[in-house]
Amino acid sequence: MLTKTQKTRTMKAVQKHDSDTGSASVQVALLTKQIGELTTHLRKHTKDKHSRRGLLQMVANRRSHLKYLEKSDKKEYNKVIKSLGLKK
């Protein structure tokens, strides 16, 4: 689970304006951060099947947000991908 400071730091990196908390790029950034934390948890606790299912749901959710972002705003999509280091 992300702390409040981690969330705000992650959101600041990709926000379009100060009150931007729900755009697709912000949601992708937050999901990426959560996926990273859950991945490290699952490396330690390999038999935690419930968390693994949640991880797969988050990955699918992030993928659908990225698809939407790619269709609607290609420039923003490339910026988010580059800043989060998702693809080369």
Protein backbone atom coordinates (compact mmCIF):
# COMPACT_ATOMS: atom_id res chain seq x y z
CA MET A 1 0.00 0.00 0.00
CA LEU A 2 1.28 3.41 -0.92
CA THR A 3 1.69 6.12 1.70
CA LYS A 4 0.26 9.57 1.11
CA THR A 5 3.69 11.08 0.39
CA GLN A 6 4.52 8.33 -2.11
CA LYS A 7 1.23 8.95 -3.88
CA THR A 8 1.72 12.70 -4.12
CA ARG A 9 5.32 12.30 -5.30
CA THR A 10 4.21 9.84 -7.98
CA MET A 11 1.33 12.06 -9.09
CA LYS A 12 3.52 15.19 -9.28
CA ALA A 13 5.72 13.48 -11.87
CA VAL A 14 2.94 13.12 -14.47
CA GLN A 15 0.25 15.65 -13.54
CA LYS A 16 -1.01 18.04 -16.21
CA HIS A 17 -2.03 20.66 -13.62
CA ASP A 18 -2.06 20.96 -9.82
CA SER A 19 -5.49 19.44 -9.22
CA ASP A 20 -5.06 16.59 -11.70
CA THR A 21 -5.67 13.41 -9.71
CA GLY A 22 -7.74 11.21 -11.99
CA SER A 23 -6.40 11.47 -15.51
CA ALA A 24 -5.29 8.31 -17.26
CA SER A 25 -1.62 9.24 -16.99
CA VAL A 26 -1.85 9.74 -13.21
CA GLN A 27 -3.73 6.46 -12.80
CA VAL A 28 -1.09 4.62 -14.84
CA ALA A 29 1.66 6.10 -12.67
CA LEU A 30 -0.07 5.09 -9.43
CA LEU A 31 -0.81 1.60 -10.71
CA THR A 32 2.82 1.20 -11.77
CA LYS A 33 4.01 2.15 -8.29
CA GLN A 34 1.53 -0.25 -6.65
CA ILE A 35 2.52 -3.05 -9.03
CA GLY A 36 6.16 -2.56 -8.12
CA GLU A 37 5.46 -2.77 -4.40
CA LEU A 38 3.23 -5.82 -4.76
CA THR A 39 5.84 -7.53 -6.91
CA THR A 40 8.46 -7.17 -4.18
CA HIS A 41 5.93 -8.53 -1.65
CA LEU A 42 5.25 -11.56 -3.83
CA ARG A 43 8.95 -12.32 -4.20
CA LYS A 44 9.11 -12.79 -0.45
CA HIS A 45 5.70 -14.47 -0.02
CA THR A 46 5.47 -16.86 -2.95
CA LYS A 47 2.33 -18.67 -1.77
CA ASP A 48 0.19 -15.54 -1.44
CA LYS A 49 -2.27 -16.40 -4.21
CA HIS A 50 -4.83 -13.72 -3.32
CA SER A 51 -2.31 -10.93 -3.73
CA ARG A 52 -1.12 -12.47 -6.99
CA ARG A 53 -4.66 -12.27 -8.34
CA GLY A 54 -4.85 -8.62 -7.29
CA LEU A 55 -1.54 -8.00 -9.07
CA LEU A 56 -2.87 -9.50 -12.28
CA GLN A 57 -5.97 -7.32 -12.04
CA MET A 58 -3.83 -4.22 -11.57
CA VAL A 59 -1.68 -5.11 -14.57
CA ALA A 60 -4.79 -5.58 -16.72
CA ASN A 61 -6.21 -2.27 -15.47
CA ARG A 62 -2.96 -0.46 -16.26
CA ARG A 63 -2.90 -2.02 -19.72
CA SER A 64 -6.41 -0.81 -20.49
CA HIS A 65 -5.56 2.71 -19.27
CA LEU A 66 -2.47 2.70 -21.48
CA LYS A 67 -4.52 1.57 -24.48
CA TYR A 68 -6.96 4.42 -23.89
CA LEU A 69 -4.14 6.92 -23.48
CA GLU A 70 -2.46 5.70 -26.67
CA LYS A 71 -5.67 6.13 -28.67
CA SER A 72 -6.63 9.51 -27.28
CA ASP A 73 -3.29 11.33 -26.82
CA LYS A 74 -0.22 9.73 -28.39
CA LYS A 75 2.10 12.50 -27.17
CA GLU A 76 1.02 12.08 -23.54
CA TYR A 77 1.27 8.29 -23.91
CA ASN A 78 4.90 8.53 -25.04
CA LYS A 79 5.69 10.93 -22.19
CA VAL A 80 4.18 8.61 -19.57
CA ILE A 81 5.88 5.52 -20.99
CA LYS A 82 9.24 7.27 -20.99
CA SER A 83 8.92 8.76 -17.49
CA LEU A 84 7.83 5.45 -15.93
CA GLY A 85 10.26 3.33 -17.93
CA LEU A 86 7.64 0.84 -19.08
CA LYS A 87 8.79 0.26 -22.67
CA LYS A 88 11.88 1.02 -24.65
